[in-house]
Protein backbone atom coordinates (compact mmCIF):
# COMPACT_ATOMS: atom_id res chain seq x y z
CA MET A 1 -20.01 -19.57 -10.34
CA SER A 2 -22.89 -18.79 -7.98
CA GLN A 3 -22.38 -16.32 -5.17
CA SER A 4 -22.10 -17.57 -1.60
CA ILE A 5 -24.44 -16.29 1.12
CA ILE A 6 -21.75 -14.03 2.56
CA GLU A 7 -20.91 -12.55 -0.86
CA LYS A 8 -24.56 -11.66 -1.48
CA GLU A 9 -24.85 -10.26 2.03
CA ILE A 10 -21.77 -8.08 1.52
CA ILE A 11 -23.01 -6.65 -1.79
CA GLU A 12 -26.42 -5.87 -0.25
CA LYS A 13 -24.76 -4.22 2.75
CA LEU A 14 -22.46 -2.13 0.53
CA TYR A 15 -25.42 -0.84 -1.48
CA GLU A 16 -27.32 -0.06 1.74
CA ILE A 17 -24.60 2.38 2.82
CA GLN A 18 -23.82 3.67 -0.66
CA ASP A 19 -22.96 7.32 -1.28
CA LYS A 20 -23.16 7.72 -5.08
CA GLU A 21 -21.51 11.15 -5.14
CA TYR A 22 -18.61 9.81 -3.11
CA GLY A 23 -18.25 6.92 -5.58
CA ILE A 24 -17.98 9.39 -8.49
CA PHE A 25 -15.40 11.41 -6.53
CA GLN A 26 -13.36 8.27 -5.70
CA ALA A 27 -13.34 7.06 -9.31
CA LYS A 28 -11.59 10.29 -10.36
CA LEU A 29 -8.88 9.81 -7.72
CA ILE A 30 -8.27 6.16 -8.58
CA PRO A 31 -8.00 5.97 -12.39
CA THR A 32 -6.64 2.40 -12.63
CA ALA A 33 -9.89 0.88 -11.29
CA PRO A 34 -12.84 1.00 -13.75
CA ALA A 35 -15.25 3.84 -12.89
CA ASP A 36 -18.30 1.54 -12.95
CA THR A 37 -16.85 -0.61 -10.13
CA PHE A 38 -17.24 2.11 -7.47
CA ILE A 39 -20.31 1.64 -5.28
CA GLY A 40 -19.31 4.62 -3.13
CA VAL A 41 -18.82 3.42 0.45
CA ARG A 42 -16.74 5.58 2.74
CA THR A 43 -13.59 4.13 4.33
CA PRO A 44 -14.72 4.31 8.00
CA GLU A 45 -17.87 2.35 7.08
CA LEU A 46 -15.79 -0.27 5.24
CA ARG A 47 -13.42 -0.65 8.20
CA LYS A 48 -16.39 -1.12 10.51
CA LEU A 49 -17.86 -3.76 8.19
CA ALA A 50 -14.49 -5.51 7.95
CA LYS A 51 -14.34 -5.91 11.75
CA GLU A 52 -17.81 -7.50 11.68
CA PHE A 53 -17.20 -9.83 8.74
CA ALA A 54 -13.70 -10.84 9.91
CA LYS A 55 -15.36 -12.62 12.85
CA ARG A 56 -17.65 -14.67 10.60
CA GLU A 57 -16.89 -18.37 10.19
CA ASP A 58 -17.75 -18.18 6.50
CA VAL A 59 -15.52 -15.15 5.77
CA GLY A 60 -13.15 -17.47 3.89
CA GLU A 61 -15.81 -17.89 1.19
CA PHE A 62 -15.70 -14.16 0.47
CA LEU A 63 -11.88 -14.09 0.54
CA LYS A 64 -11.74 -16.95 -1.98
CA ALA A 65 -14.21 -15.29 -4.37
CA LEU A 66 -11.62 -13.56 -6.55
CA PRO A 67 -11.64 -11.46 -8.61
CA HIS A 68 -14.28 -9.26 -7.02
CA LYS A 69 -16.56 -7.17 -9.20
CA TYR A 70 -16.45 -3.96 -7.17
CA PHE A 71 -13.70 -1.66 -5.91
CA ASP A 72 -15.52 -1.50 -2.56
CA GLU A 73 -15.33 -5.31 -2.26
CA ASN A 74 -11.57 -5.11 -2.80
CA GLN A 75 -11.34 -2.45 -0.11
CA LEU A 76 -13.36 -4.58 2.28
CA HIS A 77 -11.17 -7.59 1.42
CA ALA A 78 -8.03 -5.55 2.24
CA PHE A 79 -9.47 -4.42 5.57
CA ILE A 80 -10.52 -7.97 6.50
CA ILE A 81 -6.98 -9.21 5.80
CA SER A 82 -5.70 -6.37 8.00
CA GLU A 83 -7.80 -7.80 10.87
CA ILE A 84 -6.46 -11.39 10.67
CA LYS A 85 -4.63 -12.20 13.91
CA ASP A 86 -2.88 -15.40 12.78
CA TYR A 87 0.31 -14.37 10.95
CA ASN A 88 0.58 -17.41 8.65
CA LEU A 89 -3.10 -17.22 7.67
CA CYS A 90 -2.74 -13.48 7.09
CA ILE A 91 0.23 -14.02 4.73
CA LYS A 92 -1.62 -16.81 2.90
CA GLU A 93 -4.68 -14.63 2.29
CA LEU A 94 -2.54 -11.62 1.42
CA ASN A 95 -0.50 -13.50 -1.20
CA ALA A 96 -3.72 -14.85 -2.72
CA PHE A 97 -5.18 -11.33 -2.92
CA LEU A 98 -2.20 -9.18 -4.01
CA PRO A 99 -2.28 -10.24 -7.71
CA TYR A 100 -5.86 -8.90 -7.90
CA VAL A 101 -5.07 -5.48 -6.40
CA ASP A 102 -5.44 -2.95 -9.22
CA ASN A 103 -5.15 0.45 -7.55
CA TRP A 104 -3.06 2.48 -5.09
CA ALA A 105 -5.84 2.91 -2.50
CA THR A 106 -6.48 -0.78 -1.87
CA CYS A 107 -2.72 -1.38 -1.88
CA ASP A 108 -1.82 1.41 0.54
CA GLN A 109 -4.71 1.01 2.96
CA MET A 110 -4.06 -2.70 3.54
CA SER A 111 -1.97 -2.88 6.70
CA PRO A 112 -2.15 -6.11 8.74
CA LYS A 113 -1.87 -5.37 12.46
CA VAL A 114 -0.21 -8.74 13.11
CA PHE A 115 2.92 -7.68 11.17
CA LYS A 116 4.20 -5.66 14.15
CA LYS A 117 4.87 -8.89 16.05
CA HIS A 118 6.49 -10.79 13.16
CA LYS A 119 9.16 -8.47 11.76
CA GLU A 120 11.73 -11.17 10.97
CA GLU A 121 9.33 -13.38 8.99
CA LEU A 122 7.85 -10.29 7.34
CA LEU A 123 11.23 -9.35 5.84
CA VAL A 124 11.31 -12.66 3.96
CA GLU A 125 7.89 -11.90 2.46
CA ILE A 126 8.87 -8.32 1.61
CA ASN A 127 11.82 -9.64 -0.42
CA HIS A 128 9.42 -11.83 -2.43
CA TRP A 129 7.06 -8.89 -3.00
CA LEU A 130 9.88 -6.63 -4.18
CA ASP A 131 10.93 -9.30 -6.70
CA SER A 132 7.40 -9.56 -8.12
CA SER A 133 6.41 -8.52 -11.62
CA GLU A 134 3.09 -7.12 -10.32
CA THR A 135 2.89 -3.34 -9.87
CA TYR A 136 0.87 -3.32 -6.66
CA THR A 137 2.69 -6.26 -5.09
CA ILE A 138 5.97 -4.32 -5.44
CA ARG A 139 4.29 -1.15 -4.18
CA PHE A 140 2.90 -3.04 -1.18
CA GLY A 141 6.36 -4.44 -0.35
CA ILE A 142 7.90 -0.95 -0.42
CA GLY A 143 5.02 0.31 1.72
CA MET A 144 5.64 -2.38 4.34
CA LEU A 145 9.35 -1.50 4.47
CA MET A 146 8.36 2.13 4.94
CA GLN A 147 5.83 1.35 7.66
CA HIS A 148 7.76 -1.19 9.70
CA PHE A 149 11.47 -0.71 8.99
CA LEU A 150 12.29 3.00 9.11
CA ASP A 151 12.52 3.37 12.89
CA GLU A 152 14.41 1.16 15.36
CA ASP A 153 14.48 -1.77 12.88
CA PHE A 154 15.99 0.29 10.06
CA LYS A 155 19.00 -0.95 8.09
CA VAL A 156 20.65 0.80 5.14
CA ALA A 157 20.42 -2.52 3.26
CA TYR A 158 16.62 -2.14 3.12
CA ALA A 159 16.92 1.29 1.47
CA GLU A 160 19.44 -0.20 -0.97
CA LYS A 161 16.85 -2.81 -2.02
CA VAL A 162 14.31 -0.09 -2.75
CA ALA A 163 16.89 2.04 -4.59
CA ARG A 164 17.72 -0.87 -6.92
CA ILE A 165 14.13 -1.18 -8.18
CA ARG A 166 13.73 0.10 -11.73
CA SER A 167 10.30 0.40 -13.29
CA ASP A 168 8.31 2.33 -15.89
CA GLU A 169 5.26 2.10 -13.63
CA TYR A 170 4.18 5.44 -12.16
CA TYR A 171 2.67 3.82 -9.05
CA ILE A 172 5.90 1.98 -8.25
CA ASN A 173 8.13 5.00 -8.79
CA MET A 174 5.82 7.21 -6.75
CA MET A 175 6.06 4.76 -3.83
CA ILE A 176 9.88 4.67 -4.12
CA ALA A 177 9.89 8.47 -3.94
CA TRP A 178 7.53 8.40 -0.95
CA TYR A 179 9.77 5.82 0.75
CA PHE A 180 12.89 7.96 0.34
CA ALA A 181 11.13 11.17 1.40
CA THR A 182 9.93 9.42 4.58
CA ALA A 183 13.35 7.83 5.09
CA LEU A 184 15.00 11.26 4.84
CA ALA A 185 12.69 12.50 7.58
CA LYS A 186 13.48 9.54 9.85
CA GLN A 187 17.02 8.48 8.94
CA TYR A 188 18.50 11.57 7.27
CA ASP A 189 22.20 10.83 7.78
CA SER A 190 21.88 7.28 6.44
CA ILE A 191 19.66 8.23 3.48
CA ILE A 192 21.15 11.49 2.18
CA PRO A 193 24.02 9.63 0.42
CA PHE A 194 21.41 7.93 -1.81
CA ILE A 195 20.37 11.37 -3.03
CA GLU A 196 23.92 12.80 -3.15
CA ASN A 197 25.17 9.83 -5.18
CA GLY A 198 22.18 9.72 -7.56
CA LYS A 199 21.11 6.17 -6.68
CA LEU A 200 17.56 6.72 -8.01
CA ASP A 201 16.43 7.39 -11.56
CA LYS A 202 15.96 11.09 -12.40
CA TRP A 203 12.16 11.30 -12.05
CA THR A 204 12.06 9.37 -8.75
CA HIS A 205 15.07 11.28 -7.40
CA ASN A 206 13.42 14.65 -8.08
CA LYS A 207 10.03 13.47 -6.78
CA ALA A 208 11.63 12.25 -3.52
CA ILE A 209 13.25 15.67 -3.09
CA GLN A 210 9.96 17.43 -3.84
CA LYS A 211 8.12 15.34 -1.25
CA SER A 212 10.89 15.93 1.31
CA VAL A 213 10.81 19.67 0.75
CA GLU A 214 7.03 19.61 1.33
CA SER A 215 7.50 17.75 4.65
CA TYR A 216 7.40 19.54 8.00
CA ARG A 217 9.77 16.87 9.39
CA ILE A 218 12.72 18.15 7.31
CA THR A 219 14.63 21.21 8.60
CA PRO A 220 14.83 24.40 6.49
CA GLU A 221 18.59 23.82 6.07
CA GLN A 222 18.04 20.27 4.87
CA LYS A 223 15.38 21.48 2.43
CA GLU A 224 17.75 24.02 0.89
CA TYR A 225 20.46 21.39 0.53
CA LEU A 226 18.03 18.91 -1.05
CA LYS A 227 16.80 21.51 -3.55
CA ALA A 228 20.40 21.96 -4.68
CA LEU A 229 20.63 18.21 -5.37
CA LYS A 230 17.82 18.15 -7.94
CA LYS A 231 18.75 16.52 -11.26
CA LYS A 232 18.46 18.83 -14.23
């Protein structure tokens, strides 16, 4: 399939602002994406480009052109989705893109601004994402619960959904651990029973404790108590 004008323009632009050394460095940090797909464009530059391209009438042609060849295209795609102001369009583009996400960076850095105003509808989508069989779709769902539902909109039921997830995938289990470490910092009294009652598998349980102990938002007393709850 031939490339659209906007696709060609994007590739040219990415190579114009390429930092090869940075691309090599990134490839080591993100092992699930093939090393030869890293052009080497820094995140602030990609975010700036995303704001420009998100305003283009033909941006849909780039968003439809999946799968992309380069990691940097995926990053740009994620940042463009994050700029979409129409909630329904944002969800449509996001659900089309999520099956193609192949690394933690693209997954974690995709954060649509419009979600803040659509919490109720977002919960429905999060439930679908958590039920997915795709590693990064599940990870994204957990990330959205962590970002939007650990403060005034928190409910223990959301933490229970995350605790029920069982996977052999490192990048899912790491996100579950990150979720519970953050939840302990924000909702300690509601979350500590999950640790006390061993609701997580051993590796994720211990990783959540490790991340909590490393956090400056957990008190010294809480840290000591958490250390005592590690699974042997």
